[in-house]
Amino acid sequence: IDIITGIVDCQDLKFFLKTSKKLININKESIIFDPACGTGKHLLYITDKYRCKGIGVDIYPKAINISKKIEKFSNCDFILGNSCNPKTLISLSKINNFKKIDILFINSWVNHVYKNKEFSIFLDYIKNLKCRIMIIETNKIDLKRIFKTNKILFQSFKNKNQYVILEL
């Protein structure tokens, strides 16, 4: 969200939601988790569009401080933390009251973290979620190999982005 104009530029997300809507069943009861939400603009867009709940995590205090200012006007909770850290993931479960997460939404994060050994902690956590994973990744990295799955339900390439829905 542009703090000055209030405009959310989510063209990539709009494209993704439109082209894959038959594969993602988001409704008012859905819970969306964004493990690297930044200021939360994509998560806020999804939760506003579908009137569902969102939980965002980011490691950068300035980004979370911005999202916290918007949090009270949204259906989202934002956490300062590292999604590859077990303590953060436990906090996420507590905030969510241990309810099922329906969609894991990842935007341009995998390429930055998948080579870190801590990424395996995140992978172990999300395997237990048994949810659909929506990924927008700017680099054409092999998400099938990184996430160790053959369950690619959707894949599209546009403007140097890759849009993928997968299950573990």
Protein backbone atom coordinates (compact mmCIF):
# COMPACT_ATOMS: atom_id res chain seq x y z
CA ILE A 1 0.00 0.00 0.00
CA ASP A 2 1.31 3.39 -0.93
CA ILE A 3 0.91 5.24 2.36
CA ILE A 4 0.40 8.57 0.56
CA THR A 5 -2.18 7.49 -2.04
CA GLY A 6 -3.59 4.36 -0.38
CA ILE A 7 -3.25 2.50 -3.70
CA VAL A 8 -2.23 -1.15 -3.68
CA ASP A 9 -0.33 -2.19 -6.79
CA CYS A 10 -0.87 -5.90 -6.91
CA GLN A 11 -1.07 -6.56 -10.65
CA ASP A 12 0.99 -9.74 -10.32
CA LEU A 13 -1.29 -11.03 -7.58
CA LYS A 14 -4.46 -10.04 -9.46
CA PHE A 15 -3.20 -11.98 -12.50
CA PHE A 16 -2.39 -15.00 -10.33
CA LEU A 17 -5.75 -15.04 -8.52
CA LYS A 18 -7.66 -14.66 -11.78
CA THR A 19 -5.82 -17.38 -13.69
CA SER A 20 -5.82 -19.90 -10.85
CA LYS A 21 -9.14 -19.25 -9.11
CA LYS A 22 -10.49 -22.76 -9.77
CA LEU A 23 -7.56 -24.21 -7.81
CA ILE A 24 -7.73 -21.93 -4.80
CA ASN A 25 -10.93 -21.96 -2.85
CA ILE A 26 -10.56 -18.85 -0.68
CA ASN A 27 -13.61 -17.81 1.32
CA LYS A 28 -14.49 -16.00 4.58
CA GLU A 29 -13.34 -19.00 6.64
CA SER A 30 -9.92 -19.23 4.96
CA ILE A 31 -6.66 -18.44 6.71
CA ILE A 32 -3.75 -17.21 4.57
CA PHE A 33 -0.14 -17.29 5.80
CA ASP A 34 2.52 -15.09 4.17
CA PRO A 35 5.98 -16.04 5.54
CA ALA A 36 7.74 -12.96 4.12
CA CYS A 37 5.00 -10.35 3.99
CA GLY A 38 7.08 -7.18 3.92
CA THR A 39 4.63 -4.35 4.57
CA GLY A 40 1.75 -6.76 3.97
CA LYS A 41 0.34 -5.30 0.75
CA HIS A 42 -0.31 -8.64 -0.98
CA LEU A 43 -1.73 -10.26 2.14
CA LEU A 44 -3.97 -7.24 2.76
CA TYR A 45 -5.18 -7.41 -0.84
CA ILE A 46 -6.14 -11.09 -0.51
CA THR A 47 -7.83 -10.71 2.88
CA ASP A 48 -9.74 -7.65 1.74
CA LYS A 49 -10.87 -9.26 -1.52
CA TYR A 50 -12.05 -12.51 0.11
CA ARG A 51 -12.85 -11.18 3.61
CA CYS A 52 -10.67 -13.92 5.08
CA LYS A 53 -7.99 -13.92 7.81
CA GLY A 54 -4.29 -13.34 7.15
CA ILE A 55 -1.11 -13.86 9.12
CA GLY A 56 2.09 -12.25 7.92
CA VAL A 57 5.64 -12.64 9.16
CA ASP A 58 8.66 -10.57 8.20
CA ILE A 59 12.18 -10.25 9.51
CA TYR A 60 12.48 -6.50 8.86
CA PRO A 61 11.24 -4.27 11.72
CA LYS A 62 10.53 -1.28 9.44
CA ALA A 63 8.26 -3.39 7.21
CA ILE A 64 6.38 -4.87 10.18
CA ASN A 65 6.03 -1.41 11.75
CA ILE A 66 4.22 -0.24 8.61
CA SER A 67 2.01 -3.34 8.54
CA LYS A 68 1.20 -2.95 12.25
CA LYS A 69 -0.21 0.53 11.53
CA ILE A 70 -2.62 -1.03 9.06
CA GLU A 71 -3.29 -4.19 11.12
CA LYS A 72 -6.03 -2.67 13.26
CA PHE A 73 -8.05 -1.81 10.12
CA SER A 74 -7.63 -5.25 8.57
CA ASN A 75 -8.28 -8.90 9.25
CA CYS A 76 -4.54 -9.60 9.50
CA ASP A 77 -2.03 -10.23 12.23
CA PHE A 78 1.60 -9.36 11.60
CA ILE A 79 4.59 -10.85 13.40
CA LEU A 80 8.19 -9.63 13.47
CA GLY A 81 10.28 -12.74 13.00
CA ASN A 82 12.05 -15.17 10.73
CA SER A 83 9.79 -17.80 9.13
CA CYS A 84 12.72 -20.23 9.14
CA ASN A 85 13.00 -19.99 12.93
CA PRO A 86 11.10 -22.50 15.12
CA LYS A 87 10.22 -19.84 17.74
CA THR A 88 8.54 -17.69 15.08
CA LEU A 89 6.63 -20.69 13.76
CA ILE A 90 5.42 -21.53 17.28
CA SER A 91 4.26 -17.91 17.67
CA LEU A 92 2.39 -18.24 14.40
CA SER A 93 0.56 -21.32 15.66
CA LYS A 94 -0.41 -19.52 18.88
CA ILE A 95 -1.70 -16.42 17.08
CA ASN A 96 -3.72 -18.67 14.80
CA ASN A 97 -5.11 -20.63 17.80
CA PHE A 98 -3.70 -23.75 16.13
CA LYS A 99 -6.33 -23.56 13.38
CA LYS A 100 -5.65 -24.94 9.93
CA ILE A 101 -3.89 -22.65 7.48
CA ASP A 102 -5.59 -22.97 4.10
CA ILE A 103 -3.21 -21.13 1.78
CA LEU A 104 0.49 -20.41 2.10
CA PHE A 105 1.25 -17.37 -0.06
CA ILE A 106 4.88 -16.70 -0.98
CA ASN A 107 5.95 -13.70 -3.06
CA SER A 108 9.58 -13.44 -4.22
CA TRP A 109 11.05 -14.98 -1.07
CA VAL A 110 12.08 -18.54 -1.94
CA ASN A 111 15.01 -17.46 -4.09
CA HIS A 112 16.46 -15.55 -1.12
CA VAL A 113 16.22 -18.34 1.46
CA TYR A 114 16.11 -21.81 -0.07
CA LYS A 115 19.89 -22.27 0.04
CA ASN A 116 20.01 -21.52 3.78
CA LYS A 117 20.10 -24.58 6.03
CA GLU A 118 17.31 -23.05 8.15
CA PHE A 119 14.95 -23.30 5.16
CA SER A 120 14.55 -27.00 5.98
CA ILE A 121 12.88 -25.96 9.28
CA PHE A 122 10.32 -23.98 7.29
CA LEU A 123 9.79 -26.91 4.88
CA ASP A 124 9.19 -29.32 7.77
CA TYR A 125 6.67 -26.90 9.26
CA ILE A 126 4.70 -26.40 6.06
CA LYS A 127 4.59 -30.12 5.27
CA ASN A 128 2.41 -30.50 8.35
CA LEU A 129 0.07 -27.72 7.22
CA LYS A 130 -1.27 -29.79 4.31
CA CYS A 131 -2.35 -26.67 2.45
CA ARG A 132 -2.05 -25.29 -1.04
CA ILE A 133 1.00 -23.14 -1.67
CA MET A 134 0.76 -20.13 -3.98
CA ILE A 135 4.12 -18.83 -5.14
CA ILE A 136 5.08 -15.80 -7.20
CA GLU A 137 8.79 -16.01 -7.84
CA THR A 138 10.72 -13.65 -10.07
CA ASN A 139 13.42 -16.15 -10.90
CA LYS A 140 12.82 -19.35 -12.79
CA ILE A 141 14.12 -21.53 -10.00
CA ASP A 142 13.05 -25.15 -9.75
CA LEU A 143 10.28 -24.97 -7.16
CA LYS A 144 9.41 -28.65 -7.66
CA ARG A 145 12.91 -29.60 -6.53
CA ILE A 146 13.12 -27.02 -3.73
CA PHE A 147 9.77 -28.06 -2.22
CA LYS A 148 10.41 -31.76 -2.93
CA THR A 149 7.04 -32.35 -4.57
CA ASN A 150 5.58 -33.59 -7.83
CA LYS A 151 2.22 -31.99 -7.05
CA ILE A 152 2.42 -28.91 -9.25
CA LEU A 153 -1.24 -27.99 -9.77
CA PHE A 154 -0.65 -24.80 -11.76
CA GLN A 155 2.32 -23.07 -13.37
CA SER A 156 2.42 -20.00 -15.57
CA PHE A 157 5.14 -17.62 -16.70
CA LYS A 158 4.54 -13.92 -17.37
CA ASN A 159 6.86 -10.90 -17.40
CA LYS A 160 9.82 -12.84 -15.94
CA ASN A 161 7.63 -14.08 -13.07
CA GLN A 162 6.61 -17.62 -12.40
CA TYR A 163 3.23 -18.32 -10.80
CA VAL A 164 2.90 -21.73 -9.17
CA ILE A 165 0.38 -23.57 -7.03
CA LEU A 166 1.66 -26.73 -5.44
CA GLU A 167 0.93 -29.17 -2.66
CA LEU A 168 3.38 -31.08 -0.50
